Amino acid sequence: MTFRLVTNNRGLAQSGDVDGLRYLVDNADVLCLQEARAGTGAGWRLDVSMILNSFGTEWAVLQDLTDQGMSETAIAWRKDLFTPGAAGRDLLVEHGKRSITDHYITWVLLTEKVSGDNVVLASLQIPSSDFKSLWPAAKHGLQDWAAQHERFIAAGDWGMDLTGDPLQFARGVDGTIQSVGLDGFLYRGVGVAVTVPDSLSATLANSPRTPIRTNVTLTGRL
């Protein structure tokens, strides 16, 4: 099977950009979001599931909506195409800083309904260059997470230009990276093919960066 995978650091909590989300939905079968915050502070709660399903297309969403749900990452997928399996939210790196929250990997095993092919999809955000002292710990957290999954695609905001993979994320997990600037896809596993990503038509209003999209082809299952 082949499906469209889009990742974007939306800044949704700040913008409430419903039109931007609709645009992403029109161009994706699976959507990985960063900065889709859901804490209790004013302006910080945004229920991605409620917005997506208001469009009239049935989407499932994995997002922490608890008071501690400040991990920023979320995954959405089309219910007509995929069946979810195991899922989780694992710590990537602790900050210990008031200005930003701890970073987590949000992940789910998705099985294509017709073929039975499946893969673990993950949404992540590496701390920005303002906190690059945390990059080694984030890399270690990613390696710990990857050790638990035979084949996966981790999509997100990597906090740095991934050209040349400066922190050797791919080597650290025996994977491959496809990227555009700070955003990209790290993947591993037999039967997982990810095309070179392309930027969607324009940077959306209130979005830190242009969303990027890849086509994923799966063969086989876990």
N, C-alpha and C. Protein backbone atom coordinates (compact mmCIF):
# COMPACT_ATOMS: atom_id res chain seq x y z
N MET A 1 0.83 -1.19 0.00
CA MET A 1 0.00 0.00 0.00
C MET A 1 0.87 1.25 0.00
N THR A 2 0.33 2.34 -0.48
CA THR A 2 1.01 3.64 -0.46
C THR A 2 0.07 4.67 0.15
N PHE A 3 0.59 5.50 1.05
CA PHE A 3 -0.24 6.54 1.63
C PHE A 3 0.56 7.83 1.78
N ARG A 4 -0.16 8.95 1.95
CA ARG A 4 0.44 10.27 2.06
C ARG A 4 0.64 10.61 3.54
N LEU A 5 1.88 10.94 3.89
CA LEU A 5 2.23 11.30 5.26
C LEU A 5 2.72 12.74 5.28
N VAL A 6 2.09 13.56 6.11
CA VAL A 6 2.44 14.97 6.22
C VAL A 6 2.87 15.27 7.65
N THR A 7 3.93 16.06 7.80
CA THR A 7 4.32 16.54 9.12
C THR A 7 4.40 18.05 9.08
N ASN A 8 4.02 18.68 10.21
CA ASN A 8 4.06 20.13 10.29
C ASN A 8 4.08 20.60 11.73
N ASN A 9 4.97 21.54 12.01
CA ASN A 9 4.93 22.27 13.28
C ASN A 9 3.92 23.39 13.08
N ARG A 10 2.71 23.20 13.61
CA ARG A 10 1.61 24.08 13.27
C ARG A 10 1.53 25.33 14.14
N GLY A 11 1.98 25.26 15.40
CA GLY A 11 1.69 26.38 16.28
C GLY A 11 0.19 26.55 16.48
N LEU A 12 -0.53 25.41 16.49
CA LEU A 12 -1.99 25.47 16.49
C LEU A 12 -2.56 26.18 17.70
N ALA A 13 -1.96 25.98 18.84
CA ALA A 13 -2.53 26.55 20.05
C ALA A 13 -2.55 28.07 19.98
N GLN A 14 -1.49 28.63 19.40
CA GLN A 14 -1.42 30.07 19.32
C GLN A 14 -2.34 30.61 18.23
N SER A 15 -2.48 29.88 17.13
CA SER A 15 -3.17 30.44 15.96
C SER A 15 -4.63 30.03 15.87
N GLY A 16 -4.97 28.84 16.42
CA GLY A 16 -6.32 28.33 16.22
C GLY A 16 -6.64 28.22 14.74
N ASP A 17 -5.65 27.80 13.96
CA ASP A 17 -5.71 27.87 12.50
C ASP A 17 -6.51 26.69 11.93
N VAL A 18 -7.83 26.79 11.98
CA VAL A 18 -8.69 25.72 11.50
C VAL A 18 -8.55 25.55 9.98
N ASP A 19 -8.47 26.66 9.26
CA ASP A 19 -8.32 26.57 7.80
C ASP A 19 -7.02 25.89 7.43
N GLY A 20 -5.97 26.15 8.20
CA GLY A 20 -4.70 25.48 7.93
C GLY A 20 -4.79 23.98 8.15
N LEU A 21 -5.50 23.57 9.20
CA LEU A 21 -5.69 22.14 9.44
C LEU A 21 -6.48 21.51 8.32
N ARG A 22 -7.49 22.20 7.83
CA ARG A 22 -8.28 21.65 6.72
C ARG A 22 -7.41 21.43 5.49
N TYR A 23 -6.51 22.37 5.22
CA TYR A 23 -5.60 22.24 4.10
C TYR A 23 -4.72 21.00 4.25
N LEU A 24 -4.21 20.79 5.45
CA LEU A 24 -3.36 19.62 5.69
C LEU A 24 -4.15 18.33 5.49
N VAL A 25 -5.36 18.30 6.00
CA VAL A 25 -6.21 17.10 5.88
C VAL A 25 -6.46 16.76 4.41
N ASP A 26 -6.62 17.77 3.58
CA ASP A 26 -6.88 17.53 2.16
C ASP A 26 -5.67 16.93 1.46
N ASN A 27 -4.50 17.00 2.09
CA ASN A 27 -3.27 16.53 1.44
C ASN A 27 -2.62 15.37 2.17
N ALA A 28 -3.34 14.71 3.08
CA ALA A 28 -2.72 13.67 3.90
C ALA A 28 -3.67 12.52 4.17
N ASP A 29 -3.08 11.35 4.41
CA ASP A 29 -3.81 10.19 4.95
C ASP A 29 -3.40 9.97 6.41
N VAL A 30 -2.17 10.37 6.74
CA VAL A 30 -1.69 10.39 8.12
C VAL A 30 -1.03 11.74 8.34
N LEU A 31 -1.30 12.34 9.49
CA LEU A 31 -0.84 13.69 9.79
C LEU A 31 -0.11 13.68 11.14
N CYS A 32 1.14 14.14 11.14
CA CYS A 32 1.92 14.27 12.37
C CYS A 32 2.08 15.76 12.68
N LEU A 33 1.63 16.16 13.87
CA LEU A 33 1.66 17.56 14.26
C LEU A 33 2.59 17.76 15.43
N GLN A 34 3.24 18.93 15.43
CA GLN A 34 4.00 19.36 16.59
C GLN A 34 3.43 20.70 17.05
N GLU A 35 3.61 21.00 18.32
CA GLU A 35 3.05 22.19 18.95
C GLU A 35 1.53 22.22 18.85
N ALA A 36 0.92 21.05 18.92
CA ALA A 36 -0.54 20.96 19.06
C ALA A 36 -0.83 20.84 20.55
N ARG A 37 -0.56 21.88 21.28
CA ARG A 37 -0.58 21.82 22.74
C ARG A 37 -1.99 21.65 23.27
N ALA A 38 -2.07 21.05 24.46
CA ALA A 38 -3.38 20.78 25.05
C ALA A 38 -3.36 20.92 26.56
N GLY A 39 -2.65 21.89 27.07
CA GLY A 39 -2.64 22.12 28.51
C GLY A 39 -3.81 22.97 28.95
N THR A 40 -3.82 23.39 30.19
CA THR A 40 -4.98 24.10 30.73
C THR A 40 -4.82 25.61 30.72
N GLY A 41 -3.63 26.12 30.45
CA GLY A 41 -3.44 27.56 30.46
C GLY A 41 -4.23 28.24 29.36
N ALA A 42 -4.52 29.52 29.54
CA ALA A 42 -5.30 30.26 28.55
C ALA A 42 -4.63 30.21 27.19
N GLY A 43 -5.38 29.84 26.16
CA GLY A 43 -4.86 29.80 24.81
C GLY A 43 -4.04 28.57 24.48
N TRP A 44 -4.02 27.58 25.38
CA TRP A 44 -3.14 26.45 25.17
C TRP A 44 -3.90 25.14 24.95
N ARG A 45 -5.21 25.15 24.97
CA ARG A 45 -5.95 23.90 24.78
C ARG A 45 -6.54 23.85 23.37
N LEU A 46 -6.24 22.79 22.67
CA LEU A 46 -6.78 22.62 21.34
C LEU A 46 -7.01 21.13 21.09
N ASP A 47 -8.27 20.78 20.88
CA ASP A 47 -8.65 19.39 20.64
C ASP A 47 -8.61 19.14 19.14
N VAL A 48 -7.52 18.53 18.66
CA VAL A 48 -7.35 18.29 17.23
C VAL A 48 -8.47 17.40 16.70
N SER A 49 -8.88 16.40 17.47
CA SER A 49 -9.91 15.47 17.02
C SER A 49 -11.22 16.20 16.73
N MET A 50 -11.61 17.09 17.61
CA MET A 50 -12.86 17.82 17.43
C MET A 50 -12.83 18.64 16.14
N ILE A 51 -11.70 19.29 15.88
CA ILE A 51 -11.60 20.11 14.67
C ILE A 51 -11.60 19.25 13.42
N LEU A 52 -10.81 18.19 13.40
CA LEU A 52 -10.73 17.35 12.21
C LEU A 52 -12.09 16.78 11.84
N ASN A 53 -12.80 16.28 12.83
CA ASN A 53 -14.07 15.63 12.54
C ASN A 53 -15.18 16.62 12.22
N SER A 54 -14.95 17.90 12.49
CA SER A 54 -15.91 18.91 12.07
C SER A 54 -15.89 19.12 10.57
N PHE A 55 -14.85 18.59 9.90
CA PHE A 55 -14.74 18.75 8.46
C PHE A 55 -15.62 17.75 7.70
N GLY A 56 -16.13 16.77 8.39
CA GLY A 56 -16.99 15.78 7.74
C GLY A 56 -16.27 14.52 7.31
N THR A 57 -14.97 14.44 7.55
CA THR A 57 -14.19 13.24 7.26
C THR A 57 -13.83 12.60 8.59
N GLU A 58 -13.99 11.30 8.69
CA GLU A 58 -13.72 10.64 9.96
C GLU A 58 -12.22 10.41 10.14
N TRP A 59 -11.67 11.09 11.10
CA TRP A 59 -10.27 10.95 11.47
C TRP A 59 -10.17 10.49 12.91
N ALA A 60 -9.18 9.67 13.19
CA ALA A 60 -8.84 9.32 14.56
C ALA A 60 -7.61 10.11 14.95
N VAL A 61 -7.52 10.48 16.22
CA VAL A 61 -6.42 11.32 16.68
C VAL A 61 -5.86 10.76 17.97
N LEU A 62 -4.54 10.70 18.05
CA LEU A 62 -3.85 10.35 19.28
C LEU A 62 -3.21 11.62 19.81
N GLN A 63 -3.75 12.13 20.92
CA GLN A 63 -3.30 13.39 21.50
C GLN A 63 -3.60 13.36 22.99
N ASP A 64 -2.65 13.78 23.79
CA ASP A 64 -2.86 13.83 25.23
C ASP A 64 -3.60 15.12 25.58
N LEU A 65 -4.84 14.98 26.08
CA LEU A 65 -5.64 16.14 26.43
C LEU A 65 -5.74 16.34 27.94
N THR A 66 -4.88 15.70 28.70
CA THR A 66 -4.89 15.88 30.14
C THR A 66 -4.18 17.17 30.51
N ASP A 67 -4.22 17.50 31.79
CA ASP A 67 -3.55 18.71 32.26
C ASP A 67 -2.04 18.64 32.04
N GLN A 68 -1.51 17.43 31.92
CA GLN A 68 -0.08 17.26 31.66
C GLN A 68 0.21 17.14 30.16
N GLY A 69 -0.83 17.34 29.34
CA GLY A 69 -0.68 17.09 27.91
C GLY A 69 0.01 18.21 27.16
N MET A 70 1.16 18.60 27.63
CA MET A 70 1.90 19.68 27.00
C MET A 70 3.05 19.14 26.16
N SER A 71 2.96 17.88 25.77
CA SER A 71 4.05 17.27 25.03
C SER A 71 4.11 17.76 23.59
N GLU A 72 3.04 18.40 23.14
CA GLU A 72 3.01 19.11 21.87
C GLU A 72 2.77 18.22 20.65
N THR A 73 3.01 16.93 20.72
CA THR A 73 2.92 16.10 19.53
C THR A 73 1.59 15.37 19.44
N ALA A 74 1.10 15.20 18.21
CA ALA A 74 -0.15 14.49 17.98
C ALA A 74 -0.06 13.77 16.64
N ILE A 75 -0.85 12.70 16.48
CA ILE A 75 -0.94 11.95 15.22
C ILE A 75 -2.42 11.79 14.88
N ALA A 76 -2.74 11.99 13.60
CA ALA A 76 -4.11 11.77 13.13
C ALA A 76 -4.06 10.87 11.90
N TRP A 77 -5.07 10.01 11.74
CA TRP A 77 -5.11 9.11 10.59
C TRP A 77 -6.55 8.90 10.15
N ARG A 78 -6.70 8.53 8.89
CA ARG A 78 -8.04 8.30 8.33
C ARG A 78 -8.57 6.94 8.81
N LYS A 79 -9.74 6.98 9.41
CA LYS A 79 -10.33 5.76 9.95
C LYS A 79 -10.71 4.78 8.85
N ASP A 80 -11.01 5.28 7.65
CA ASP A 80 -11.42 4.37 6.58
C ASP A 80 -10.24 3.60 6.00
N LEU A 81 -9.01 4.04 6.28
CA LEU A 81 -7.82 3.40 5.72
C LEU A 81 -7.07 2.53 6.72
N PHE A 82 -7.09 2.91 8.00
CA PHE A 82 -6.21 2.28 8.97
C PHE A 82 -6.95 1.81 10.21
N THR A 83 -6.42 0.74 10.79
CA THR A 83 -6.84 0.25 12.10
C THR A 83 -5.68 0.45 13.07
N PRO A 84 -5.91 1.12 14.21
CA PRO A 84 -4.82 1.33 15.16
C PRO A 84 -4.58 0.12 16.03
N GLY A 85 -3.34 -0.04 16.45
CA GLY A 85 -2.97 -1.09 17.40
C GLY A 85 -2.36 -0.47 18.63
N ALA A 86 -1.24 -1.03 19.06
CA ALA A 86 -0.54 -0.50 20.24
C ALA A 86 -0.19 0.97 20.01
N ALA A 87 -0.19 1.74 21.10
CA ALA A 87 0.10 3.16 21.00
C ALA A 87 0.71 3.63 22.31
N GLY A 88 1.37 4.77 22.28
CA GLY A 88 1.98 5.27 23.50
C GLY A 88 2.49 6.69 23.37
N ARG A 89 3.00 7.16 24.47
CA ARG A 89 3.58 8.50 24.57
C ARG A 89 4.81 8.35 25.46
N ASP A 90 5.98 8.36 24.86
CA ASP A 90 7.22 8.08 25.58
C ASP A 90 8.09 9.32 25.68
N LEU A 91 8.73 9.49 26.83
CA LEU A 91 9.58 10.65 27.05
C LEU A 91 10.79 10.62 26.11
N LEU A 92 11.00 11.73 25.43
CA LEU A 92 12.17 11.88 24.57
C LEU A 92 13.30 12.57 25.32
N VAL A 93 12.99 13.71 25.93
CA VAL A 93 14.01 14.43 26.69
C VAL A 93 13.32 15.33 27.71
N GLU A 94 13.89 15.35 28.90
CA GLU A 94 13.43 16.27 29.94
C GLU A 94 14.20 17.57 29.83
N HIS A 95 13.52 18.66 30.06
CA HIS A 95 14.19 19.94 29.99
C HIS A 95 14.66 20.44 31.34
N GLY A 96 13.72 20.41 32.30
CA GLY A 96 14.02 21.06 33.57
C GLY A 96 14.02 22.56 33.44
N LYS A 97 13.31 23.09 32.43
CA LYS A 97 13.26 24.53 32.19
C LYS A 97 11.79 24.97 32.14
N ARG A 98 11.50 26.11 32.74
CA ARG A 98 10.13 26.58 32.78
C ARG A 98 9.64 27.07 31.42
N SER A 99 10.54 27.54 30.59
CA SER A 99 10.13 28.19 29.34
C SER A 99 9.59 27.21 28.31
N ILE A 100 9.95 25.95 28.38
CA ILE A 100 9.42 24.95 27.45
C ILE A 100 9.16 23.67 28.22
N THR A 101 8.35 22.81 27.62
CA THR A 101 7.93 21.60 28.30
C THR A 101 8.85 20.44 27.94
N ASP A 102 8.74 19.34 28.69
CA ASP A 102 9.42 18.11 28.30
C ASP A 102 8.90 17.67 26.94
N HIS A 103 9.75 16.98 26.18
CA HIS A 103 9.38 16.54 24.84
C HIS A 103 9.11 15.03 24.85
N TYR A 104 8.03 14.63 24.20
CA TYR A 104 7.62 13.24 24.13
C TYR A 104 7.48 12.79 22.68
N ILE A 105 7.59 11.48 22.47
CA ILE A 105 7.26 10.86 21.19
C ILE A 105 5.86 10.26 21.33
N THR A 106 4.96 10.70 20.46
CA THR A 106 3.62 10.12 20.40
C THR A 106 3.60 9.12 19.25
N TRP A 107 3.19 7.87 19.50
CA TRP A 107 3.31 6.85 18.46
C TRP A 107 2.11 5.89 18.46
N VAL A 108 1.90 5.27 17.29
CA VAL A 108 0.81 4.31 17.15
C VAL A 108 1.16 3.32 16.04
N LEU A 109 0.79 2.07 16.22
CA LEU A 109 0.92 1.06 15.17
C LEU A 109 -0.33 1.14 14.30
N LEU A 110 -0.14 1.44 13.02
CA LEU A 110 -1.26 1.54 12.08
C LEU A 110 -1.21 0.39 11.08
N THR A 111 -2.36 -0.27 10.91
CA THR A 111 -2.49 -1.37 9.96
C THR A 111 -3.45 -0.97 8.86
N GLU A 112 -3.01 -1.09 7.61
CA GLU A 112 -3.87 -0.76 6.47
C GLU A 112 -4.96 -1.81 6.36
N LYS A 113 -6.20 -1.38 6.23
CA LYS A 113 -7.34 -2.28 6.35
C LYS A 113 -7.42 -3.30 5.22
N VAL A 114 -7.04 -2.94 4.01
CA VAL A 114 -7.19 -3.86 2.88
C VAL A 114 -6.02 -4.84 2.80
N SER A 115 -4.79 -4.33 2.85
CA SER A 115 -3.61 -5.18 2.64
C SER A 115 -3.14 -5.87 3.92
N GLY A 116 -3.41 -5.26 5.07
CA GLY A 116 -2.87 -5.79 6.32
C GLY A 116 -1.45 -5.34 6.60
N ASP A 117 -0.85 -4.55 5.68
CA ASP A 117 0.49 -4.01 5.91
C ASP A 117 0.45 -3.02 7.08
N ASN A 118 1.53 -2.98 7.86
CA ASN A 118 1.52 -2.06 9.00
C ASN A 118 2.90 -1.52 9.32
N VAL A 119 2.90 -0.45 10.13
CA VAL A 119 4.13 0.21 10.54
C VAL A 119 3.82 1.07 11.76
N VAL A 120 4.81 1.30 12.59
CA VAL A 120 4.67 2.23 13.71
C VAL A 120 4.93 3.64 13.19
N LEU A 121 3.97 4.56 13.40
CA LEU A 121 4.11 5.96 13.05
C LEU A 121 4.33 6.76 14.32
N ALA A 122 5.26 7.70 14.29
CA ALA A 122 5.56 8.51 15.47
C ALA A 122 5.67 9.98 15.09
N SER A 123 5.22 10.84 16.00
CA SER A 123 5.37 12.28 15.86
C SER A 123 6.28 12.76 16.98
N LEU A 124 7.30 13.55 16.63
CA LEU A 124 8.25 14.01 17.64
C LEU A 124 8.69 15.44 17.38
N GLN A 125 9.27 16.04 18.41
CA GLN A 125 9.88 17.36 18.27
C GLN A 125 11.14 17.40 19.11
N ILE A 126 12.26 17.61 18.43
CA ILE A 126 13.56 17.78 19.10
C ILE A 126 13.66 19.24 19.57
N PRO A 127 14.20 19.52 20.75
CA PRO A 127 14.35 20.91 21.17
C PRO A 127 15.09 21.75 20.14
N SER A 128 14.73 23.02 20.07
CA SER A 128 15.33 23.93 19.09
C SER A 128 16.78 24.24 19.45
N SER A 129 17.44 24.97 18.56
CA SER A 129 18.85 25.29 18.77
C SER A 129 19.06 26.17 20.01
N ASP A 130 18.00 26.81 20.50
CA ASP A 130 18.13 27.57 21.74
C ASP A 130 18.44 26.65 22.92
N PHE A 131 18.14 25.36 22.75
CA PHE A 131 18.36 24.38 23.81
C PHE A 131 19.21 23.22 23.29
N LYS A 132 20.20 23.54 22.46
CA LYS A 132 20.96 22.48 21.82
C LYS A 132 21.78 21.67 22.80
N SER A 133 21.95 22.16 24.01
CA SER A 133 22.63 21.35 25.03
C SER A 133 21.85 20.08 25.34
N LEU A 134 20.56 20.07 24.97
CA LEU A 134 19.70 18.91 25.21
C LEU A 134 19.72 17.92 24.04
N TRP A 135 20.36 18.28 22.94
CA TRP A 135 20.34 17.41 21.77
C TRP A 135 20.93 16.02 22.03
N PRO A 136 22.06 15.90 22.71
CA PRO A 136 22.56 14.53 22.97
C PRO A 136 21.58 13.68 23.77
N ALA A 137 20.93 14.28 24.76
CA ALA A 137 19.94 13.53 25.54
C ALA A 137 18.74 13.15 24.67
N ALA A 138 18.33 14.04 23.76
CA ALA A 138 17.23 13.73 22.85
C ALA A 138 17.60 12.58 21.93
N LYS A 139 18.84 12.58 21.44
CA LYS A 139 19.29 11.48 20.59
C LYS A 139 19.26 10.17 21.35
N HIS A 140 19.70 10.19 22.59
CA HIS A 140 19.69 8.99 23.41
C HIS A 140 18.25 8.51 23.65
N GLY A 141 17.34 9.46 23.92
CA GLY A 141 15.95 9.10 24.11
C GLY A 141 15.34 8.47 22.87
N LEU A 142 15.72 8.99 21.69
CA LEU A 142 15.23 8.43 20.44
C LEU A 142 15.76 7.01 20.24
N GLN A 143 17.03 6.80 20.55
CA GLN A 143 17.61 5.46 20.41
C GLN A 143 16.91 4.46 21.34
N ASP A 144 16.61 4.89 22.56
CA ASP A 144 15.90 4.01 23.50
C ASP A 144 14.53 3.65 22.96
N TRP A 145 13.84 4.65 22.38
CA TRP A 145 12.51 4.38 21.82
C TRP A 145 12.62 3.44 20.62
N ALA A 146 13.56 3.71 19.71
CA ALA A 146 13.69 2.92 18.49
C ALA A 146 14.04 1.47 18.79
N ALA A 147 14.75 1.24 19.89
CA ALA A 147 15.13 -0.13 20.25
C ALA A 147 13.90 -1.01 20.53
N GLN A 148 12.76 -0.39 20.76
CA GLN A 148 11.54 -1.14 21.07
C GLN A 148 10.68 -1.41 19.85
N HIS A 149 11.11 -0.90 18.67
CA HIS A 149 10.26 -1.00 17.48
C HIS A 149 11.09 -1.47 16.29
N GLU A 150 10.66 -2.57 15.71
CA GLU A 150 11.42 -3.17 14.61
C GLU A 150 11.39 -2.31 13.36
N ARG A 151 10.21 -1.79 13.03
CA ARG A 151 10.13 -0.90 11.87
C ARG A 151 9.19 0.25 12.20
N PHE A 152 9.60 1.45 11.76
CA PHE A 152 8.88 2.65 12.16
C PHE A 152 9.17 3.79 11.20
N ILE A 153 8.34 4.82 11.28
CA ILE A 153 8.59 6.11 10.64
C ILE A 153 8.36 7.17 11.70
N ALA A 154 9.40 7.94 12.02
CA ALA A 154 9.30 9.03 12.99
C ALA A 154 9.33 10.34 12.21
N ALA A 155 8.24 11.09 12.30
CA ALA A 155 8.10 12.33 11.54
C ALA A 155 8.05 13.50 12.50
N GLY A 156 8.65 14.62 12.08
CA GLY A 156 8.54 15.76 12.96
C GLY A 156 9.51 16.88 12.71
N ASP A 157 9.59 17.73 13.74
CA ASP A 157 10.45 18.89 13.80
C ASP A 157 11.71 18.48 14.55
N TRP A 158 12.85 18.49 13.85
CA TRP A 158 14.08 17.95 14.42
C TRP A 158 14.96 19.01 15.06
N GLY A 159 14.51 20.27 15.09
CA GLY A 159 15.22 21.31 15.82
C GLY A 159 16.50 21.80 15.17
N MET A 160 16.89 21.21 14.06
CA MET A 160 18.13 21.55 13.36
C MET A 160 17.98 21.18 11.90
N ASP A 161 18.81 21.78 11.05
CA ASP A 161 18.82 21.40 9.65
C ASP A 161 19.36 19.98 9.54
N LEU A 162 18.54 19.09 9.00
CA LEU A 162 18.92 17.67 8.94
C LEU A 162 19.83 17.32 7.77
N THR A 163 20.15 18.31 6.94
CA THR A 163 21.03 18.03 5.81
C THR A 163 22.34 17.43 6.31
N GLY A 164 22.65 16.25 5.85
CA GLY A 164 23.86 15.56 6.29
C GLY A 164 23.74 14.89 7.64
N ASP A 165 22.55 15.00 8.25
CA ASP A 165 22.28 14.36 9.55
C ASP A 165 23.40 14.65 10.55
N PRO A 166 23.52 15.93 10.98
CA PRO A 166 24.68 16.34 11.79
C PRO A 166 24.84 15.59 13.11
N LEU A 167 23.75 15.15 13.72
CA LEU A 167 23.86 14.40 14.98
C LEU A 167 23.81 12.89 14.76
N GLN A 168 23.78 12.50 13.48
CA GLN A 168 23.78 11.08 13.11
C GLN A 168 22.62 10.32 13.78
N PHE A 169 21.44 10.93 13.70
CA PHE A 169 20.24 10.24 14.19
C PHE A 169 20.05 8.90 13.48
N ALA A 170 20.22 8.92 12.14
CA ALA A 170 19.98 7.71 11.36
C ALA A 170 20.96 6.61 11.72
N ARG A 171 22.24 6.96 11.82
CA ARG A 171 23.24 5.95 12.17
C ARG A 171 22.96 5.37 13.55
N GLY A 172 22.48 6.22 14.45
CA GLY A 172 22.24 5.78 15.81
C GLY A 172 21.15 4.73 15.94
N VAL A 173 20.23 4.68 14.94
CA VAL A 173 19.15 3.69 15.00
C VAL A 173 19.15 2.78 13.78
N ASP A 174 20.23 2.85 12.98
CA ASP A 174 20.34 2.04 11.76
C ASP A 174 19.16 2.33 10.83
N GLY A 175 18.89 3.63 10.62
CA GLY A 175 17.76 4.03 9.80
C GLY A 175 18.18 4.94 8.67
N THR A 176 17.18 5.60 8.05
CA THR A 176 17.39 6.49 6.91
C THR A 176 16.58 7.76 7.15
N ILE A 177 17.13 8.90 6.74
CA ILE A 177 16.43 10.18 6.90
C ILE A 177 16.11 10.78 5.54
N GLN A 178 14.90 11.30 5.40
CA GLN A 178 14.49 12.14 4.30
C GLN A 178 13.99 13.44 4.91
N SER A 179 14.47 14.59 4.42
CA SER A 179 14.12 15.83 5.11
C SER A 179 14.10 17.03 4.17
N VAL A 180 13.46 18.09 4.68
CA VAL A 180 13.52 19.42 4.07
C VAL A 180 13.80 20.38 5.22
N GLY A 181 15.05 20.83 5.33
CA GLY A 181 15.41 21.72 6.41
C GLY A 181 15.30 21.06 7.77
N LEU A 182 14.50 21.67 8.65
CA LEU A 182 14.37 21.18 10.01
C LEU A 182 13.35 20.06 10.15
N ASP A 183 12.56 19.83 9.12
CA ASP A 183 11.47 18.86 9.20
C ASP A 183 11.79 17.64 8.35
N GLY A 184 11.40 16.46 8.85
CA GLY A 184 11.72 15.28 8.07
C GLY A 184 11.22 14.00 8.67
N PHE A 185 11.65 12.90 8.05
CA PHE A 185 11.18 11.56 8.37
C PHE A 185 12.39 10.64 8.57
N LEU A 186 12.44 10.01 9.71
CA LEU A 186 13.45 8.99 10.01
C LEU A 186 12.74 7.65 9.99
N TYR A 187 13.22 6.70 9.19
CA TYR A 187 12.51 5.43 9.08
C TYR A 187 13.48 4.26 9.07
N ARG A 188 12.92 3.10 9.43
CA ARG A 188 13.72 1.87 9.49
C ARG A 188 12.79 0.70 9.28
N GLY A 189 13.32 -0.34 8.65
CA GLY A 189 12.59 -1.59 8.55
C GLY A 189 12.45 -2.12 7.14
N VAL A 190 12.49 -3.44 7.02
CA VAL A 190 12.28 -4.09 5.73
C VAL A 190 10.85 -3.81 5.26
N GLY A 191 10.72 -3.44 3.99
CA GLY A 191 9.38 -3.21 3.43
C GLY A 191 8.84 -1.82 3.67
N VAL A 192 9.68 -0.88 4.13
CA VAL A 192 9.26 0.50 4.34
C VAL A 192 10.03 1.39 3.36
N ALA A 193 9.32 2.08 2.48
CA ALA A 193 9.94 2.98 1.51
C ALA A 193 9.31 4.37 1.66
N VAL A 194 10.17 5.38 1.77
CA VAL A 194 9.72 6.77 1.97
C VAL A 194 10.33 7.62 0.86
N THR A 195 9.50 8.33 0.10
CA THR A 195 10.02 9.15 -0.99
C THR A 195 10.64 10.43 -0.45
N VAL A 196 11.45 11.07 -1.31
CA VAL A 196 12.00 12.38 -0.96
C VAL A 196 10.83 13.33 -0.75
N PRO A 197 10.75 14.00 0.40
CA PRO A 197 9.58 14.83 0.69
C PRO A 197 9.55 16.11 -0.14
N ASP A 198 8.35 16.63 -0.32
CA ASP A 198 8.18 17.90 -0.98
C ASP A 198 7.41 18.84 -0.07
N SER A 199 7.69 20.13 -0.21
CA SER A 199 6.98 21.13 0.56
C SER A 199 5.61 21.36 -0.07
N LEU A 200 4.59 21.47 0.75
CA LEU A 200 3.28 21.80 0.23
C LEU A 200 3.27 23.26 -0.23
N SER A 201 2.22 23.68 -0.87
CA SER A 201 2.26 24.85 -1.73
C SER A 201 2.75 26.14 -1.09
N ALA A 202 2.46 26.34 0.20
CA ALA A 202 2.84 27.61 0.80
C ALA A 202 2.92 27.45 2.31
N THR A 203 3.68 28.35 2.93
CA THR A 203 3.67 28.41 4.38
C THR A 203 2.31 28.92 4.82
N LEU A 204 1.64 28.17 5.67
CA LEU A 204 0.29 28.53 6.07
C LEU A 204 0.32 29.67 7.09
N ALA A 205 -0.77 30.37 7.17
CA ALA A 205 -0.88 31.46 8.13
C ALA A 205 -0.61 30.95 9.54
N ASN A 206 0.23 31.68 10.26
CA ASN A 206 0.52 31.39 11.67
C ASN A 206 1.31 30.10 11.88
N SER A 207 1.79 29.48 10.82
CA SER A 207 2.57 28.26 10.97
C SER A 207 4.05 28.60 10.92
N PRO A 208 4.85 28.08 11.86
CA PRO A 208 6.28 28.38 11.84
C PRO A 208 6.97 27.98 10.54
N ARG A 209 6.52 26.88 9.93
CA ARG A 209 7.20 26.41 8.73
C ARG A 209 6.20 25.78 7.76
N THR A 210 6.66 25.64 6.52
CA THR A 210 5.86 24.99 5.50
C THR A 210 5.71 23.50 5.82
N PRO A 211 4.50 22.95 5.73
CA PRO A 211 4.34 21.50 5.93
C PRO A 211 5.05 20.74 4.82
N ILE A 212 5.55 19.55 5.15
CA ILE A 212 6.16 18.72 4.12
C ILE A 212 5.45 17.37 4.05
N ARG A 213 5.48 16.78 2.86
CA ARG A 213 4.73 15.55 2.60
C ARG A 213 5.62 14.54 1.90
N THR A 214 5.41 13.28 2.25
CA THR A 214 6.08 12.18 1.57
C THR A 214 5.05 11.11 1.24
N ASN A 215 5.38 10.26 0.30
CA ASN A 215 4.57 9.07 0.03
C ASN A 215 5.28 7.87 0.64
N VAL A 216 4.53 7.11 1.42
CA VAL A 216 5.07 5.93 2.10
C VAL A 216 4.49 4.68 1.44
N THR A 217 5.37 3.75 1.07
CA THR A 217 4.94 2.46 0.53
C THR A 217 5.34 1.36 1.51
N LEU A 218 4.36 0.56 1.91
CA LEU A 218 4.60 -0.54 2.86
C LEU A 218 4.41 -1.88 2.17
N THR A 219 5.26 -2.81 2.55
CA THR A 219 5.10 -4.21 2.15
C THR A 219 5.32 -5.07 3.37
N GLY A 220 4.33 -5.89 3.73
CA GLY A 220 4.48 -6.78 4.86
C GLY A 220 3.99 -6.15 6.15
N ARG A 221 4.16 -6.92 7.23
CA ARG A 221 3.64 -6.47 8.52
C ARG A 221 4.54 -6.93 9.65
N LEU A 222 4.35 -6.28 10.79
CA LEU A 222 5.10 -6.65 11.99
C LEU A 222 4.54 -7.93 12.58
